Amino acid sequence: MRLTQTRYRLDEDVAMWLPSGWWVTLRNEFAQAPGVAVTVLESVADQLSAITAEATTARGRDAQALSDKLFSCVFDGAGPDYRR
């Protein structure tokens, strides 16, 4: 699931690919600890992939409903505690 495709320009910072074909870039605290971030994201990759796959085809009211669903989602990821 790690970067396996070459990306150019703004997409050079892809940290991982989701099974849905979408990619993930890192910001804020995740960008400061990319190894930890990718471990956590990999633990919820299937869930993230499911919702991003919906986003690929959502239009109009469906897109708004999906946006509401996304912002109310909680993904419980697992990974090392990097704040210690």
C-alpha atoms as a PDB file:
ATOM      1  CA  MET A   1       0.000   0.000   0.000  1.00  0.00           C
ATOM      2  CA  ARG A   2       2.983   2.317   0.127  1.00  0.00           C
ATOM      3  CA  LEU A   3       3.754   4.579  -2.764  1.00  0.00           C
ATOM      4  CA  THR A   4       4.190   2.385  -5.811  1.00  0.00           C
ATOM      5  CA  GLN A   5       3.362   4.807  -8.590  1.00  0.00           C
ATOM      6  CA  THR A   6       5.398   7.821  -9.634  1.00  0.00           C
ATOM      7  CA  ARG A   7       3.665  11.137  -8.988  1.00  0.00           C
ATOM      8  CA  TYR A   8       4.796  14.544 -10.192  1.00  0.00           C
ATOM      9  CA  ARG A   9       4.554  18.167  -9.084  1.00  0.00           C
ATOM     10  CA  LEU A  10       2.056  18.669  -6.254  1.00  0.00           C
ATOM     11  CA  ASP A  11       1.597  14.928  -5.825  1.00  0.00           C
ATOM     12  CA  GLU A  12       5.224  14.172  -4.998  1.00  0.00           C
ATOM     13  CA  ASP A  13       4.390  13.962  -1.294  1.00  0.00           C
ATOM     14  CA  VAL A  14       2.064  10.964  -1.585  1.00  0.00           C
ATOM     15  CA  ALA A  15       2.559   8.844   1.542  1.00  0.00           C
ATOM     16  CA  MET A  16       0.361   5.896   0.549  1.00  0.00           C
ATOM     17  CA  TRP A  17      -2.228   4.687  -1.935  1.00  0.00           C
ATOM     18  CA  LEU A  18      -5.640   3.443  -0.855  1.00  0.00           C
ATOM     19  CA  PRO A  19      -7.233   0.400  -2.498  1.00  0.00           C
ATOM     20  CA  SER A  20      -9.836   2.819  -3.942  1.00  0.00           C
ATOM     21  CA  GLY A  21      -7.097   4.414  -6.042  1.00  0.00           C
ATOM     22  CA  TRP A  22      -7.017   7.619  -3.988  1.00  0.00           C
ATOM     23  CA  TRP A  23      -3.772   8.711  -2.399  1.00  0.00           C
ATOM     24  CA  VAL A  24      -2.938  10.150   1.014  1.00  0.00           C
ATOM     25  CA  THR A  25      -0.599  13.025   1.760  1.00  0.00           C
ATOM     26  CA  LEU A  26       0.426  14.018   5.267  1.00  0.00           C
ATOM     27  CA  ARG A  27      -0.019  17.326   7.091  1.00  0.00           C
ATOM     28  CA  ASN A  28       0.558  18.760  10.534  1.00  0.00           C
ATOM     29  CA  GLU A  29       1.547  16.192  13.189  1.00  0.00           C
ATOM     30  CA  PHE A  30       1.355  13.316  10.700  1.00  0.00           C
ATOM     31  CA  ALA A  31       3.856  15.065   8.416  1.00  0.00           C
ATOM     32  CA  GLN A  32       6.254  15.354  11.352  1.00  0.00           C
ATOM     33  CA  ALA A  33       6.129  11.579  11.961  1.00  0.00           C
ATOM     34  CA  PRO A  34       5.472   9.965   8.563  1.00  0.00           C
ATOM     35  CA  GLY A  35       6.368   6.421   9.636  1.00  0.00           C
ATOM     36  CA  VAL A  36       3.859   6.560  12.472  1.00  0.00           C
ATOM     37  CA  ALA A  37       1.269   8.224  10.236  1.00  0.00           C
ATOM     38  CA  VAL A  38       1.461   5.571   7.534  1.00  0.00           C
ATOM     39  CA  THR A  39       1.194   2.799  10.149  1.00  0.00           C
ATOM     40  CA  VAL A  40      -1.961   4.392  11.575  1.00  0.00           C
ATOM     41  CA  LEU A  41      -3.442   5.065   8.138  1.00  0.00           C
ATOM     42  CA  GLU A  42      -2.735   1.531   6.978  1.00  0.00           C
ATOM     43  CA  SER A  43      -4.749   0.251   9.945  1.00  0.00           C
ATOM     44  CA  VAL A  44      -7.845   2.090   8.639  1.00  0.00           C
ATOM     45  CA  ALA A  45      -7.083   1.874   4.919  1.00  0.00           C
ATOM     46  CA  ASP A  46     -10.114  -0.294   4.135  1.00  0.00           C
ATOM     47  CA  GLN A  47     -12.474   2.156   5.841  1.00  0.00           C
ATOM     48  CA  LEU A  48     -10.843   5.149   4.155  1.00  0.00           C
ATOM     49  CA  SER A  49     -10.949   3.347   0.840  1.00  0.00           C
ATOM     50  CA  ALA A  50     -14.667   2.627   1.169  1.00  0.00           C
ATOM     51  CA  ILE A  51     -15.566   6.263   1.745  1.00  0.00           C
ATOM     52  CA  THR A  52     -13.205   7.620  -0.913  1.00  0.00           C
ATOM     53  CA  ALA A  53     -14.625   5.120  -3.416  1.00  0.00           C
ATOM     54  CA  GLU A  54     -18.066   6.621  -2.702  1.00  0.00           C
ATOM     55  CA  ALA A  55     -16.637  10.099  -3.286  1.00  0.00           C
ATOM     56  CA  THR A  56     -15.488   9.104  -6.752  1.00  0.00           C
ATOM     57  CA  THR A  57     -19.055   8.905  -8.027  1.00  0.00           C
ATOM     58  CA  ALA A  58     -21.064  11.088  -5.618  1.00  0.00           C
ATOM     59  CA  ARG A  59     -22.758  14.088  -7.251  1.00  0.00           C
ATOM     60  CA  GLY A  60     -25.220  16.745  -6.112  1.00  0.00           C
ATOM     61  CA  ARG A  61     -27.229  15.782  -3.034  1.00  0.00           C
ATOM     62  CA  ASP A  62     -25.289  12.522  -2.790  1.00  0.00           C
ATOM     63  CA  ALA A  63     -22.050  14.484  -2.546  1.00  0.00           C
ATOM     64  CA  GLN A  64     -23.440  16.653   0.255  1.00  0.00           C
ATOM     65  CA  ALA A  65     -24.683  13.592   2.144  1.00  0.00           C
ATOM     66  CA  LEU A  66     -21.291  11.937   1.713  1.00  0.00           C
ATOM     67  CA  SER A  67     -19.543  15.075   2.959  1.00  0.00           C
ATOM     68  CA  ASP A  68     -21.732  15.076   6.061  1.00  0.00           C
ATOM     69  CA  LYS A  69     -21.023  11.361   6.563  1.00  0.00           C
ATOM     70  CA  LEU A  70     -17.281  11.857   6.156  1.00  0.00           C
ATOM     71  CA  PHE A  71     -17.061  14.694   8.656  1.00  0.00           C
ATOM     72  CA  SER A  72     -18.990  12.659  11.218  1.00  0.00           C
ATOM     73  CA  CYS A  73     -16.831   9.534  10.778  1.00  0.00           C
ATOM     74  CA  VAL A  74     -14.452   8.316  13.408  1.00  0.00           C
ATOM     75  CA  PHE A  75     -11.680   5.974  12.318  1.00  0.00           C
ATOM     76  CA  ASP A  76      -9.976   4.137  15.160  1.00  0.00           C
ATOM     77  CA  GLY A  77      -6.468   3.552  13.878  1.00  0.00           C
ATOM     78  CA  ALA A  78      -3.686   1.631  15.540  1.00  0.00           C
ATOM     79  CA  GLY A  79      -0.040   2.521  15.638  1.00  0.00           C
ATOM     80  CA  PRO A  80       2.909   3.379  17.852  1.00  0.00           C
ATOM     81  CA  ASP A  81       2.591   6.147  20.430  1.00  0.00           C
ATOM     82  CA  TYR A  82       4.999   8.723  19.047  1.00  0.00           C
ATOM     83  CA  ARG A  83       4.272  11.366  21.713  1.00  0.00           C
ATOM     84  CA  ARG A  84       6.117   9.555  24.480  1.00  0.00           C
END
